[in-house]
Amino acid sequence: MPVDKFGRAEYRETSLIEDDPVSSVEGINEIFLRRDGRNTVIGTIDMAGNTLTNLRNPVLNQDVATKVYVDESSDGVDTVLKSDDTMSGNLNMNGNRITGLPDSLPSSGSDAVSWLHAVGLVRGADTESAGKVSNKGDVMTAI
């Protein structure tokens, strides 16, 4: 540790980023994050395994979310998992579409079908019913 001519330890504050001495309050503001929020972070903060505590719930899209907020928001009440989940109640698609349905036969009577598959089922029903007798006034003739 360097000492001055009187044997006192020399105190020299240095930048955490560079080895340039910090010589003013403005210089300190560029190196250290102020607790009052008057300066901002540029780059990444490595928390080295430490935690951020006492955060408020997020308001803006880019706000940090607390664990409690995430757990309460994803407890199954407001969300549906992407895989193997069950929904109860109505789903308002708000004008959006359901896409990616298979063009093959549904595996159960309650499965959704694609538009192409529905059109195929209607066309198949029309073809199948052609030449059949209806129970409402059709006349049958023998050949």
Protein backbone atom coordinates (compact mmCIF):
# COMPACT_ATOMS: atom_id res chain seq x y z
CA MET A 1 0.00 0.00 0.00
CA PRO A 2 1.51 3.36 -0.96
CA VAL A 3 2.15 5.89 1.82
CA ASP A 4 2.87 9.61 1.74
CA LYS A 5 5.97 11.25 3.27
CA PHE A 6 4.32 11.23 6.71
CA GLY A 7 3.62 7.45 6.61
CA ARG A 8 -0.09 7.86 6.02
CA ALA A 9 -1.74 5.51 3.56
CA GLU A 10 -2.47 7.25 0.29
CA TYR A 11 -6.13 7.02 -0.66
CA ARG A 12 -6.69 7.00 -4.35
CA GLU A 13 -10.17 6.13 -5.60
CA THR A 14 -10.02 4.41 -8.96
CA SER A 15 -12.57 3.52 -11.55
CA LEU A 16 -13.93 0.00 -11.49
CA ILE A 17 -13.88 0.03 -15.27
CA GLU A 18 -10.55 1.68 -15.96
CA ASP A 19 -7.47 2.53 -13.91
CA ASP A 20 -8.08 6.28 -14.21
CA PRO A 21 -8.48 8.07 -10.88
CA VAL A 22 -11.89 9.45 -10.05
CA SER A 23 -11.35 13.13 -9.45
CA SER A 24 -14.87 14.60 -9.24
CA VAL A 25 -18.44 13.87 -8.22
CA GLU A 26 -19.34 13.70 -11.91
CA GLY A 27 -16.69 11.02 -12.37
CA ILE A 28 -18.10 9.06 -9.45
CA ASN A 29 -21.59 9.33 -10.97
CA GLU A 30 -20.27 7.73 -14.16
CA ILE A 31 -18.80 4.76 -12.29
CA PHE A 32 -21.14 4.05 -9.40
CA LEU A 33 -24.90 3.53 -9.51
CA ARG A 34 -26.64 6.18 -7.43
CA ARG A 35 -29.30 5.03 -4.98
CA ASP A 36 -31.51 8.03 -5.77
CA GLY A 37 -31.91 6.97 -9.44
CA ARG A 38 -30.30 10.07 -10.95
CA ASN A 39 -28.01 7.99 -13.16
CA THR A 40 -28.59 4.82 -15.16
CA VAL A 41 -26.78 1.58 -15.86
CA ILE A 42 -25.09 1.07 -19.19
CA GLY A 43 -24.33 -2.57 -19.84
CA THR A 44 -24.87 -5.65 -17.72
CA ILE A 45 -24.92 -5.91 -13.94
CA ASP A 46 -23.41 -9.17 -12.70
CA MET A 47 -25.09 -9.91 -9.38
CA ALA A 48 -22.53 -12.68 -8.68
CA GLY A 49 -25.23 -14.92 -7.20
CA ASN A 50 -26.74 -12.16 -5.05
CA THR A 51 -30.40 -11.18 -5.22
CA LEU A 52 -32.43 -8.03 -5.78
CA THR A 53 -34.99 -7.60 -3.01
CA ASN A 54 -37.97 -5.38 -2.15
CA LEU A 55 -39.06 -4.85 -5.76
CA ARG A 56 -42.51 -3.53 -6.65
CA ASN A 57 -44.79 -5.44 -9.00
CA PRO A 58 -44.17 -4.69 -12.69
CA VAL A 59 -46.15 -1.94 -14.39
CA LEU A 60 -44.39 -1.44 -17.72
CA ASN A 61 -43.58 -4.21 -20.23
CA GLN A 62 -39.86 -4.11 -19.50
CA ASP A 63 -40.15 -4.00 -15.67
CA VAL A 64 -38.60 -6.74 -13.56
CA ALA A 65 -41.17 -9.16 -12.14
CA THR A 66 -41.01 -10.52 -8.60
CA LYS A 67 -41.34 -14.26 -7.97
CA VAL A 68 -44.65 -13.72 -6.17
CA TYR A 69 -46.04 -11.78 -9.13
CA VAL A 70 -45.01 -14.49 -11.60
CA ASP A 71 -46.30 -17.32 -9.39
CA GLU A 72 -49.66 -15.61 -8.87
CA SER A 73 -49.95 -14.73 -12.56
CA SER A 74 -49.20 -18.29 -13.71
CA ASP A 75 -51.10 -20.34 -11.17
CA GLY A 76 -53.40 -21.70 -13.86
CA VAL A 77 -56.16 -19.13 -13.31
CA ASP A 78 -55.09 -16.67 -15.99
CA THR A 79 -52.81 -18.81 -18.11
CA VAL A 80 -52.84 -22.01 -20.13
CA LEU A 81 -49.68 -24.04 -20.50
CA LYS A 82 -48.41 -24.57 -24.04
CA SER A 83 -48.66 -28.34 -23.68
CA ASP A 84 -51.02 -30.83 -21.98
CA ASP A 85 -53.22 -28.29 -20.19
CA THR A 86 -57.00 -28.03 -19.86
CA MET A 87 -59.02 -24.88 -20.17
CA SER A 88 -62.37 -24.19 -18.56
CA GLY A 89 -64.72 -21.47 -19.75
CA ASN A 90 -64.85 -19.59 -23.02
CA LEU A 91 -61.84 -18.39 -24.94
CA ASN A 92 -62.34 -15.02 -26.62
CA MET A 93 -59.97 -14.99 -29.59
CA ASN A 94 -60.63 -11.24 -30.07
CA GLY A 95 -60.63 -11.61 -33.86
CA ASN A 96 -57.49 -13.78 -33.92
CA ARG A 97 -57.30 -17.18 -35.58
CA ILE A 98 -56.42 -20.65 -34.37
CA THR A 99 -53.75 -21.93 -36.73
CA GLY A 100 -51.74 -25.09 -37.22
CA LEU A 101 -54.60 -27.59 -36.94
CA PRO A 102 -53.95 -30.89 -38.73
CA ASP A 103 -55.72 -31.67 -42.01
CA SER A 104 -56.27 -35.26 -40.86
CA LEU A 105 -59.25 -36.76 -39.07
CA PRO A 106 -59.67 -35.60 -35.48
CA SER A 107 -58.74 -38.16 -32.83
CA SER A 108 -61.91 -37.52 -30.79
CA GLY A 109 -65.38 -36.08 -31.35
CA SER A 110 -64.49 -32.91 -29.47
CA ASP A 111 -61.29 -32.06 -31.41
CA ALA A 112 -61.15 -28.93 -33.55
CA VAL A 113 -60.72 -29.43 -37.29
CA SER A 114 -59.02 -27.26 -39.89
CA TRP A 115 -61.02 -25.39 -42.52
CA LEU A 116 -59.68 -27.69 -45.24
CA HIS A 117 -60.79 -30.76 -43.31
CA ALA A 118 -64.26 -29.26 -42.64
CA VAL A 119 -64.70 -28.45 -46.36
CA GLY A 120 -63.66 -32.00 -47.21
CA LEU A 121 -66.20 -33.43 -44.76
CA VAL A 122 -69.01 -31.31 -46.28
CA ARG A 123 -68.04 -32.27 -49.83
CA GLY A 124 -67.86 -35.93 -48.82
CA ALA A 125 -71.32 -35.72 -47.24
CA ASP A 126 -72.73 -34.14 -50.42
CA THR A 127 -71.21 -36.89 -52.56
CA GLU A 128 -72.38 -39.61 -50.19
CA SER A 129 -75.96 -38.32 -50.10
CA ALA A 130 -76.24 -37.98 -53.89
CA GLY A 131 -78.61 -40.60 -55.25
CA LYS A 132 -80.10 -41.44 -51.83
CA VAL A 133 -83.75 -41.03 -50.99
CA SER A 134 -84.74 -38.34 -48.54
CA ASN A 135 -87.58 -38.97 -46.14
CA LYS A 136 -89.27 -35.71 -47.11
CA GLY A 137 -91.20 -36.07 -50.35
CA ASP A 138 -88.65 -37.82 -52.58
CA VAL A 139 -90.14 -40.17 -55.16
CA MET A 140 -88.55 -43.50 -55.76
CA THR A 141 -88.71 -45.16 -59.16
CA ALA A 142 -87.57 -48.59 -60.14
CA ILE A 143 -85.54 -49.34 -63.21
